[in-house]
Amino acid sequence: LLLMARHQGFAWPVFRRVAGWALVAYAVIAAMIEFSFIHNNVSGTPLLILTLSLVMFALDVPLSIGFTVARFATPSGD
């Protein structure tokens, strides 16, 4: 994020739009997977590790999608 923030020609509006919607989609997916873990009585340390892995999954993929799309977009967002 810091490297992209310093880049002058980065299409931030496109990044926010794409990454935002992807974040919503991946948050729903992660919530359904978390529900299945809780429903199947996973608890303790395994649940903590799986939950943290789901958080990384739900954040990393949308950010990667947003950066990839915004990298090739025009800076004005059109």
C-alpha atoms as a PDB file:
ATOM      1  CA  LEU A   1       0.000   0.000   0.000  1.00  0.00           C
ATOM      2  CA  LEU A   2       2.809   2.391   0.811  1.00  0.00           C
ATOM      3  CA  LEU A   3       4.553   1.831  -2.511  1.00  0.00           C
ATOM      4  CA  MET A   4       1.340   2.381  -4.435  1.00  0.00           C
ATOM      5  CA  ALA A   5       0.482   5.482  -2.402  1.00  0.00           C
ATOM      6  CA  ARG A   6       3.711   7.072  -3.608  1.00  0.00           C
ATOM      7  CA  HIS A   7       2.980   6.255  -7.271  1.00  0.00           C
ATOM      8  CA  GLN A   8       1.631   9.351  -9.028  1.00  0.00           C
ATOM      9  CA  GLY A   9      -0.311   7.653 -11.828  1.00  0.00           C
ATOM     10  CA  PHE A  10      -2.177   5.037  -9.803  1.00  0.00           C
ATOM     11  CA  ALA A  11      -5.944   4.819 -10.393  1.00  0.00           C
ATOM     12  CA  TRP A  12      -7.164   5.027  -6.785  1.00  0.00           C
ATOM     13  CA  PRO A  13     -10.902   5.370  -7.598  1.00  0.00           C
ATOM     14  CA  VAL A  14     -10.775   2.171  -9.641  1.00  0.00           C
ATOM     15  CA  PHE A  15      -8.854   0.407  -6.874  1.00  0.00           C
ATOM     16  CA  ARG A  16     -11.380   1.442  -4.210  1.00  0.00           C
ATOM     17  CA  ARG A  17     -14.357   0.388  -6.319  1.00  0.00           C
ATOM     18  CA  VAL A  18     -12.968  -2.999  -7.366  1.00  0.00           C
ATOM     19  CA  ALA A  19     -11.316  -3.891  -4.056  1.00  0.00           C
ATOM     20  CA  GLY A  20     -14.399  -2.784  -2.116  1.00  0.00           C
ATOM     21  CA  TRP A  21     -16.786  -5.054  -3.975  1.00  0.00           C
ATOM     22  CA  ALA A  22     -14.301  -7.919  -3.930  1.00  0.00           C
ATOM     23  CA  LEU A  23     -13.899  -7.415  -0.171  1.00  0.00           C
ATOM     24  CA  VAL A  24     -17.651  -7.693   0.300  1.00  0.00           C
ATOM     25  CA  ALA A  25     -17.766 -10.911  -1.713  1.00  0.00           C
ATOM     26  CA  TYR A  26     -14.809 -12.492   0.068  1.00  0.00           C
ATOM     27  CA  ALA A  27     -16.126 -11.433   3.492  1.00  0.00           C
ATOM     28  CA  VAL A  28     -19.355 -13.304   2.743  1.00  0.00           C
ATOM     29  CA  ILE A  29     -17.386 -16.366   1.634  1.00  0.00           C
ATOM     30  CA  ALA A  30     -15.179 -16.232   4.735  1.00  0.00           C
ATOM     31  CA  ALA A  31     -18.230 -15.845   6.984  1.00  0.00           C
ATOM     32  CA  MET A  32     -19.863 -18.934   5.475  1.00  0.00           C
ATOM     33  CA  ILE A  33     -16.681 -20.956   5.960  1.00  0.00           C
ATOM     34  CA  GLU A  34     -16.367 -19.696   9.549  1.00  0.00           C
ATOM     35  CA  PHE A  35     -19.985 -20.676  10.189  1.00  0.00           C
ATOM     36  CA  SER A  36     -19.252 -24.214   8.983  1.00  0.00           C
ATOM     37  CA  PHE A  37     -16.294 -24.441  11.378  1.00  0.00           C
ATOM     38  CA  ILE A  38     -18.408 -23.313  14.327  1.00  0.00           C
ATOM     39  CA  HIS A  39     -21.341 -25.504  13.279  1.00  0.00           C
ATOM     40  CA  ASN A  40     -19.032 -28.534  13.228  1.00  0.00           C
ATOM     41  CA  ASN A  41     -17.840 -27.809  16.797  1.00  0.00           C
ATOM     42  CA  VAL A  42     -14.301 -26.689  16.002  1.00  0.00           C
ATOM     43  CA  SER A  43     -13.000 -24.850  19.050  1.00  0.00           C
ATOM     44  CA  GLY A  44      -9.855 -23.648  20.756  1.00  0.00           C
ATOM     45  CA  THR A  45      -6.542 -23.237  19.002  1.00  0.00           C
ATOM     46  CA  PRO A  46      -7.610 -24.877  15.720  1.00  0.00           C
ATOM     47  CA  LEU A  47     -10.518 -22.431  15.421  1.00  0.00           C
ATOM     48  CA  LEU A  48      -8.224 -19.489  16.140  1.00  0.00           C
ATOM     49  CA  ILE A  49      -5.721 -20.557  13.488  1.00  0.00           C
ATOM     50  CA  LEU A  50      -8.459 -21.188  10.925  1.00  0.00           C
ATOM     51  CA  THR A  51     -10.122 -17.855  11.701  1.00  0.00           C
ATOM     52  CA  LEU A  52      -6.868 -15.941  11.269  1.00  0.00           C
ATOM     53  CA  SER A  53      -6.250 -17.770   8.001  1.00  0.00           C
ATOM     54  CA  LEU A  54      -9.728 -16.785   6.803  1.00  0.00           C
ATOM     55  CA  VAL A  55      -9.053 -13.147   7.699  1.00  0.00           C
ATOM     56  CA  MET A  56      -5.875 -13.226   5.621  1.00  0.00           C
ATOM     57  CA  PHE A  57      -7.800 -14.875   2.774  1.00  0.00           C
ATOM     58  CA  ALA A  58     -10.588 -12.285   2.965  1.00  0.00           C
ATOM     59  CA  LEU A  59      -8.140  -9.363   2.853  1.00  0.00           C
ATOM     60  CA  ASP A  60      -5.323 -10.543   0.608  1.00  0.00           C
ATOM     61  CA  VAL A  61      -7.321 -11.674  -2.417  1.00  0.00           C
ATOM     62  CA  PRO A  62      -9.475  -8.504  -2.769  1.00  0.00           C
ATOM     63  CA  LEU A  63      -6.413  -6.283  -2.402  1.00  0.00           C
ATOM     64  CA  SER A  64      -4.603  -8.283  -5.085  1.00  0.00           C
ATOM     65  CA  ILE A  65      -7.608  -8.053  -7.399  1.00  0.00           C
ATOM     66  CA  GLY A  66      -7.929  -4.303  -6.811  1.00  0.00           C
ATOM     67  CA  PHE A  67      -4.251  -3.615  -7.437  1.00  0.00           C
ATOM     68  CA  THR A  68      -4.221  -5.736 -10.581  1.00  0.00           C
ATOM     69  CA  VAL A  69      -7.220  -3.945 -12.091  1.00  0.00           C
ATOM     70  CA  ALA A  70      -6.102  -0.457 -11.048  1.00  0.00           C
ATOM     71  CA  ARG A  71      -2.583  -1.029 -12.313  1.00  0.00           C
ATOM     72  CA  PHE A  72      -3.815  -1.254 -15.904  1.00  0.00           C
ATOM     73  CA  ALA A  73      -6.564   1.394 -15.615  1.00  0.00           C
ATOM     74  CA  THR A  74      -6.208   5.029 -16.569  1.00  0.00           C
ATOM     75  CA  PRO A  75      -5.387   7.297 -13.604  1.00  0.00           C
ATOM     76  CA  SER A  76      -8.612   9.284 -14.033  1.00  0.00           C
ATOM     77  CA  GLY A  77     -10.648   6.106 -13.359  1.00  0.00           C
ATOM     78  CA  ASP A  78     -12.414   6.129 -16.739  1.00  0.00           C
END
